[in-house]
Protein backbone atom coordinates (compact mmCIF):
# COMPACT_ATOMS: atom_id res chain seq x y z
CA MET A 1 25.94 24.40 -20.45
CA ALA A 2 24.93 21.03 -19.47
CA VAL A 3 24.36 18.32 -21.96
CA THR A 4 20.55 17.17 -22.19
CA GLN A 5 19.15 14.21 -23.22
CA LYS A 6 17.16 16.20 -26.26
CA ASP A 7 21.35 17.27 -27.75
CA ILE A 8 21.88 13.70 -28.31
CA ALA A 9 18.51 12.73 -29.48
CA ASP A 10 19.15 16.03 -31.76
CA ALA A 11 22.69 14.70 -33.02
CA LEU A 12 20.90 11.28 -33.94
CA GLY A 13 18.11 12.33 -35.44
CA VAL A 14 15.32 10.21 -33.01
CA SER A 15 13.09 11.62 -29.70
CA THR A 16 14.32 12.08 -26.39
CA VAL A 17 12.01 8.78 -25.41
CA THR A 18 14.85 6.69 -27.36
CA VAL A 19 18.02 8.65 -25.51
CA SER A 20 15.81 7.76 -22.27
CA ARG A 21 14.97 4.76 -22.38
CA ALA A 22 18.74 3.72 -24.28
CA LEU A 23 20.00 4.69 -21.14
CA ARG A 24 17.97 3.12 -18.76
CA GLU A 25 18.58 -0.19 -21.20
CA HIS A 26 15.22 -0.30 -21.79
CA ALA A 27 14.85 -3.98 -22.76
CA ASP A 28 11.92 -3.68 -25.86
CA LEU A 29 15.53 -1.12 -27.40
CA SER A 30 18.03 -3.13 -30.06
CA GLU A 31 21.63 -2.97 -28.59
CA GLN A 32 22.95 -0.93 -31.82
CA THR A 33 20.20 1.65 -30.31
CA LYS A 34 21.26 1.95 -27.18
CA ARG A 35 25.31 1.43 -28.27
CA LYS A 36 24.68 4.84 -30.48
CA VAL A 37 23.00 6.51 -27.86
CA MET A 38 25.34 5.18 -24.77
CA GLU A 39 28.32 6.35 -27.62
CA THR A 40 26.48 10.28 -28.89
CA ALA A 41 26.18 10.54 -24.96
CA GLU A 42 29.49 9.47 -23.46
CA ARG A 43 31.06 12.21 -26.91
CA LEU A 44 28.63 15.37 -26.22
CA GLY A 45 29.48 14.55 -21.96
CA TYR A 46 26.26 14.44 -20.89
CA LEU A 47 27.30 10.97 -19.56
CA LYS A 48 30.18 12.67 -17.50
CA HIS A 49 26.94 15.10 -16.50
CA ARG A 50 24.47 13.78 -15.66
CA ALA A 51 25.93 12.54 -12.08
CA ALA A 52 26.12 16.45 -10.67
CA ARG A 53 22.18 16.38 -11.99
CA PRO A 54 19.42 15.39 -10.31
CA ALA A 55 18.53 11.10 -11.57
CA ILE A 56 15.06 11.83 -11.07
CA ARG A 57 13.35 14.32 -12.94
CA ARG A 58 9.49 12.63 -13.48
CA VAL A 59 7.36 9.99 -11.39
CA GLY A 60 4.24 8.13 -12.81
CA VAL A 61 2.23 6.74 -9.98
CA LEU A 62 -0.36 4.34 -11.12
CA ALA A 63 -3.17 3.48 -9.04
CA TYR A 64 -4.44 0.07 -9.68
CA GLY A 65 -8.13 -1.10 -8.53
CA ILE A 66 -8.38 2.79 -6.96
CA SER A 67 -11.78 4.73 -8.09
CA ARG A 68 -11.08 8.56 -8.74
CA GLN A 69 -13.63 9.04 -5.44
CA PHE A 70 -11.92 6.79 -3.35
CA PHE A 71 -8.63 7.95 -4.05
CA PHE A 72 -9.85 11.68 -3.25
CA GLU A 73 -11.69 11.02 -0.14
CA SER A 74 -9.67 8.04 1.59
CA THR A 75 -7.34 9.17 4.10
CA LEU A 76 -5.05 6.43 3.19
CA VAL A 77 -4.39 6.89 -0.21
CA GLN A 78 -4.67 11.29 0.32
CA GLY A 79 -1.30 10.34 2.98
CA MET A 80 1.15 8.35 0.83
CA PHE A 81 -0.10 10.22 -2.44
CA GLU A 82 0.18 14.08 -0.54
CA ALA A 83 3.80 12.76 1.41
CA ILE A 84 4.86 11.95 -1.74
CA GLN A 85 4.08 15.08 -3.69
CA ASN A 86 5.41 17.20 -1.65
CA ARG A 87 8.39 15.24 -1.27
CA PHE A 88 8.78 15.33 -4.99
CA ARG A 89 7.52 19.00 -5.73
CA GLU A 90 10.43 20.13 -3.29
CA ALA A 91 13.31 18.31 -4.65
CA GLY A 92 11.72 20.05 -7.72
CA VAL A 93 10.41 16.30 -9.02
CA GLU A 94 7.27 16.43 -11.52
CA VAL A 95 4.02 14.07 -10.37
CA VAL A 96 2.10 12.44 -13.02
CA LEU A 97 -1.15 10.86 -12.05
CA GLN A 98 -2.79 7.60 -13.52
CA MET A 99 -5.21 5.36 -12.56
CA PRO A 100 -4.53 2.44 -15.07
CA GLU A 101 -6.79 -0.47 -15.79
CA PRO A 102 -6.03 -3.50 -13.91
CA ARG A 103 -3.60 -5.18 -16.30
CA GLU A 104 -2.46 -2.33 -18.40
CA VAL A 105 0.86 0.05 -18.39
CA PRO A 106 0.84 2.85 -19.45
CA THR A 107 2.18 4.95 -22.48
CA MET A 108 4.74 7.13 -20.03
CA VAL A 109 6.37 3.96 -18.78
CA THR A 110 6.36 1.84 -21.77
CA GLU A 111 7.40 4.98 -23.83
CA GLY A 112 9.99 6.51 -20.89
CA SER A 113 8.61 9.45 -19.98
CA VAL A 114 9.49 9.09 -16.26
CA ASP A 115 11.79 7.94 -14.55
CA ALA A 116 10.60 6.32 -11.74
CA VAL A 117 6.86 4.96 -10.85
CA VAL A 118 5.17 3.95 -7.50
CA ILE A 119 2.21 2.11 -7.24
CA MET A 120 -0.30 1.93 -5.30
CA GLY A 121 -3.69 -0.07 -4.72
CA HIS A 122 -3.97 -3.85 -6.21
CA ALA A 123 -2.02 -4.62 -9.40
CA ASP A 124 -2.07 -7.67 -11.68
CA GLU A 125 1.96 -9.24 -11.21
CA SER A 126 2.15 -8.88 -14.53
CA ILE A 127 3.31 -5.25 -14.52
CA PHE A 128 6.33 -5.96 -12.63
CA LYS A 129 7.05 -7.86 -15.12
CA ARG A 130 6.80 -5.45 -17.23
CA LEU A 131 8.09 -2.66 -15.90
CA GLY A 132 12.28 -3.47 -17.25
CA ASN A 133 14.76 -1.42 -15.37
CA ILE A 134 12.51 0.98 -14.49
CA TYR A 135 12.64 2.09 -10.97
CA SER A 136 9.54 1.17 -9.18
CA VAL A 137 8.15 1.35 -5.52
CA ALA A 138 5.15 -0.43 -4.61
CA LEU A 139 3.04 1.01 -1.05
CA ALA A 140 1.33 -0.91 1.30
CA GLY A 141 -1.17 -3.46 -0.61
CA ALA A 142 0.21 -3.48 -3.59
CA THR A 143 2.52 -7.16 -4.15
CA ALA A 144 5.88 -6.00 -5.09
CA GLN A 145 7.61 -9.04 -7.36
CA ALA A 146 10.71 -10.25 -5.47
CA ALA A 147 12.84 -7.80 -7.53
CA HIS A 148 11.34 -4.66 -6.62
CA ALA A 149 10.60 -2.07 -3.70
CA HIS A 150 7.70 -2.74 -1.63
CA ILE A 151 7.40 -0.35 1.41
CA GLY A 152 4.28 -1.16 3.72
CA SER A 153 2.25 -0.75 6.92
CA ASP A 154 3.60 -3.09 9.79
CA ASP A 155 0.65 -5.77 9.25
CA PHE A 156 1.77 -8.20 11.25
CA GLY A 157 3.33 -6.50 14.61
CA GLY A 158 -0.37 -3.80 14.40
CA GLU A 159 -2.82 -6.87 14.29
CA PHE A 160 -0.54 -8.77 16.88
CA ALA A 161 -0.24 -5.19 19.03
CA VAL A 162 -4.11 -5.08 18.67
CA ALA A 163 -4.64 -8.53 20.04
CA GLU A 164 -2.24 -7.88 22.42
CA TYR A 165 -4.45 -4.44 24.00
CA LEU A 166 -7.66 -5.98 23.86
CA ILE A 167 -5.92 -9.71 26.41
CA SER A 168 -4.60 -6.29 28.43
CA ARG A 169 -7.91 -5.01 28.49
CA GLY A 170 -9.28 -8.32 29.80
CA HIS A 171 -10.73 -9.72 26.48
CA ARG A 172 -9.52 -14.08 26.45
CA ARG A 173 -12.21 -14.91 23.38
CA ILE A 174 -11.45 -12.57 21.00
CA ALA A 175 -12.55 -13.38 17.26
CA PHE A 176 -10.17 -12.07 14.00
CA LEU A 177 -12.60 -11.15 10.91
CA GLY A 178 -10.99 -10.30 7.36
CA GLU A 179 -11.78 -10.64 3.86
CA ASP A 180 -11.27 -13.95 1.77
CA ARG A 181 -8.56 -12.86 -0.47
CA PRO A 182 -5.74 -16.01 0.11
CA ASP A 183 -3.51 -13.61 -2.47
CA SER A 184 -3.69 -10.93 -0.30
CA PRO A 185 -0.84 -10.75 1.84
CA VAL A 186 -2.19 -8.11 4.49
CA MET A 187 -4.87 -10.02 5.05
CA ARG A 188 -2.45 -13.16 5.64
CA ASN A 189 0.22 -11.02 7.60
CA ARG A 190 -2.83 -9.18 9.37
CA ALA A 191 -4.43 -12.41 10.56
CA HIS A 192 -0.97 -14.16 11.50
CA GLY A 193 -0.49 -11.20 13.76
CA TYR A 194 -3.77 -12.01 15.34
CA THR A 195 -2.96 -15.52 15.95
CA LEU A 196 0.23 -15.27 17.19
CA ALA A 197 -0.33 -12.87 20.14
CA MET A 198 -3.41 -15.55 20.77
CA PHE A 199 -0.76 -18.35 20.98
CA ASP A 200 1.42 -15.78 22.79
CA ASN A 201 -1.37 -15.45 25.53
CA LYS A 202 -2.34 -19.19 25.74
CA LEU A 203 -5.71 -18.32 24.10
CA GLN A 204 -7.50 -20.17 20.42
CA PRO A 205 -7.88 -18.04 17.82
CA ASN A 206 -10.87 -18.19 15.78
CA LEU A 207 -10.60 -16.78 12.24
CA HIS A 208 -13.67 -16.06 10.64
CA TRP A 209 -13.28 -15.11 6.54
CA ILE A 210 -15.34 -12.69 5.01
CA SER A 211 -16.42 -13.73 0.97
CA THR A 212 -14.77 -11.30 -1.33
CA ASN A 213 -17.64 -10.64 -3.27
CA ALA A 214 -19.17 -8.80 -0.43
CA ASP A 215 -17.95 -5.14 -0.83
CA PRO A 216 -17.30 -3.65 2.84
CA ARG A 217 -18.40 -0.41 1.93
CA THR A 218 -22.10 -2.12 0.58
CA GLU A 219 -24.45 -3.96 3.87
CA GLN A 220 -23.67 -6.87 1.40
CA MET A 221 -21.12 -7.58 4.13
CA GLN A 222 -22.96 -7.11 7.13
CA PRO A 223 -25.50 -10.36 6.38
CA GLN A 224 -22.26 -12.62 7.23
CA ILE A 225 -20.97 -11.15 9.91
CA ALA A 226 -23.97 -11.38 11.51
CA ALA A 227 -24.63 -14.93 11.17
CA PHE A 228 -21.21 -15.29 12.47
CA LEU A 229 -21.98 -13.19 15.04
CA GLN A 230 -25.20 -15.49 16.07
CA LYS A 231 -23.43 -18.24 15.84
CA ASN A 232 -20.37 -16.97 18.53
CA PRO A 233 -22.73 -15.66 21.45
CA ASP A 234 -19.83 -16.49 23.67
CA ILE A 235 -17.00 -13.62 22.30
CA THR A 236 -16.52 -10.28 24.08
CA ALA A 237 -14.16 -8.94 21.11
CA LEU A 238 -13.55 -8.50 17.72
CA VAL A 239 -10.71 -7.52 15.62
CA ALA A 240 -11.61 -6.42 11.68
CA SER A 241 -8.59 -6.97 9.41
CA HIS A 242 -9.84 -3.17 8.12
CA ASP A 243 -12.31 -0.49 9.82
CA GLY A 244 -14.84 -1.27 6.73
CA ILE A 245 -15.45 -4.79 8.00
CA ALA A 246 -15.21 -3.13 11.50
CA HIS A 247 -17.56 -0.68 10.46
CA ARG A 248 -20.07 -3.43 9.51
CA ALA A 249 -19.07 -5.42 12.15
CA GLN A 250 -20.85 -2.93 14.40
CA LEU A 251 -23.60 -2.03 12.09
CA ALA A 252 -24.15 -5.45 12.35
CA CYS A 253 -24.07 -6.01 16.79
CA ARG A 254 -26.52 -2.45 16.25
CA GLN A 255 -29.48 -4.36 14.03
CA LEU A 256 -29.05 -7.64 16.82
CA GLY A 257 -29.78 -5.97 20.02
CA ILE A 258 -25.98 -6.34 20.94
CA ASP A 259 -24.25 -3.39 22.68
CA VAL A 260 -20.90 -2.42 21.77
CA PRO A 261 -18.39 -2.02 23.84
CA ASP A 262 -20.94 -3.44 26.77
CA GLN A 263 -21.49 -6.61 24.72
CA ILE A 264 -18.75 -6.71 23.03
CA SER A 265 -15.77 -4.84 21.78
CA ILE A 266 -14.61 -4.04 18.41
CA VAL A 267 -11.05 -2.41 16.80
CA GLY A 268 -10.64 -1.98 12.98
CA TYR A 269 -7.62 -0.97 10.85
CA ASP A 270 -6.13 1.66 8.64
CA ASP A 271 -7.87 4.50 10.72
CA MET A 272 -10.70 5.51 7.73
CA PRO A 273 -13.13 8.40 8.13
CA VAL A 274 -15.52 5.53 8.94
CA SER A 275 -13.86 4.42 12.04
CA ARG A 276 -14.00 8.12 13.14
CA GLU A 277 -17.40 8.81 11.90
CA GLY A 278 -18.38 4.97 14.42
CA GLN A 279 -15.90 5.97 17.21
CA LEU A 280 -13.67 2.45 16.75
CA THR A 281 -11.13 2.58 18.47
CA THR A 282 -8.26 1.41 15.20
CA TYR A 283 -4.87 0.84 14.24
CA ARG A 284 -3.43 3.98 12.71
CA PRO A 285 -0.39 3.31 9.84
CA GLU A 286 1.48 6.05 9.26
CA TRP A 287 0.72 6.49 5.82
CA SER A 288 2.23 9.87 5.45
CA ALA A 289 5.30 8.20 5.97
CA ILE A 290 5.48 5.25 4.06
CA GLY A 291 4.81 8.16 1.25
CA ASN A 292 7.62 9.91 2.54
CA LEU A 293 9.99 7.14 2.51
CA ALA A 294 8.47 5.83 -1.20
CA ALA A 295 9.59 9.25 -2.55
CA GLU A 296 13.27 9.28 -0.41
CA LEU A 297 14.04 5.94 -1.77
CA ILE A 298 13.74 6.93 -5.54
CA LEU A 299 15.37 10.60 -4.82
CA LYS A 300 18.35 8.24 -3.40
CA GLN A 301 18.01 5.08 -5.06
CA VAL A 302 18.75 3.30 -2.11
CA ALA A 303 18.74 -0.26 -4.00
CA GLY A 304 19.07 -0.69 -7.79
CA PRO A 305 15.80 -1.30 -9.96
CA SER A 306 16.44 -5.32 -9.87
CA GLN A 307 17.04 -5.27 -6.01
CA GLY A 308 14.55 -6.31 -3.78
CA TYR A 309 14.03 -3.27 -0.87
CA ARG A 310 11.73 -4.42 1.89
CA MET A 311 10.55 -1.96 4.58
CA VAL A 312 7.58 -1.89 7.22
CA VAL A 313 6.19 1.20 9.01
CA PRO A 314 4.69 0.80 12.43
CA GLY A 315 2.15 2.61 13.17
CA ARG A 316 0.03 2.78 16.91
CA ILE A 317 -3.38 1.59 18.09
CA VAL A 318 -6.07 4.50 18.35
CA HIS A 319 -8.29 4.84 21.09
CA ARG A 320 -12.05 5.82 21.05
CA GLU A 321 -15.43 4.81 22.15
CA SER A 322 -15.45 0.94 20.96
CA VAL A 323 -13.64 -1.00 23.61
CA ALA A 324 -14.23 -2.18 27.29
CA THR A 325 -12.25 -3.46 29.93
CA LEU A 326 -13.74 -6.45 31.56
CA LYS A 327 -12.99 -7.80 35.17
CA PRO A 328 -11.61 -10.74 35.31
CA GLU A 329 -13.29 -14.00 35.62
């Protein structure tokens, strides 16, 4: 019978959590404790058998800055989470979901009761510094530090494709609406993709940033968009950094009596339910592919916990009813 971590813990008179942390060389344990655990593990034959067993038994999914309602209603989040769950279920790995406070590292991580973590949402940078040597993968909008793995949508390439699509439909005066979040690489990359497409086609970019105090799920954002449209009546198309802004732009147009798409075209990003409800053309990242790749990365441990690993996953434009083709001027 294969030796377990409990056998090592019983032999030393310590907890299985201590054994698990020592085997991962957790920084909070003394060198003496780690040495005793390793020596006992070797004496009992645990290290010899461990390579033949799955290295990952339990994975924590940490969803930062995501409300419970949004977590279970968002196709973006659910697409990733369900793919993670399904792949780990196939591999016999337990998945534990927690929604910590912004700067909180849950006990299951600090005490070593999970073998790896997946980070979703908007985690504070300090979180990554406090993860120690645990294997971690950050997804999509979660910003990983250089030493941690990250898998996300191709934000640059996606918004580049959206701008090129509008240009191919005859649009030349195209504006970009983004959330004013300078700390967000997602917003930066999407803005850069739009900007490069405009420059590549010898067109002038027009970037407008919406205050971060305005929640895209409320009407607070709408007046800012309406004011921008009134100041820029010659614009024929809007590239929105996400569907929340695209939806509010659609409502602002309705408020101002601007017809979508006859007078102005709108393209969103993320393919959230609101884009389908409003028949908005949008860019759909492959959320389930991102979740599945994260699970595979953890199961195969492609890169060590201190080796940064970056991957972007392309998506596609979903054509609906918010874009018109313009006649050549």
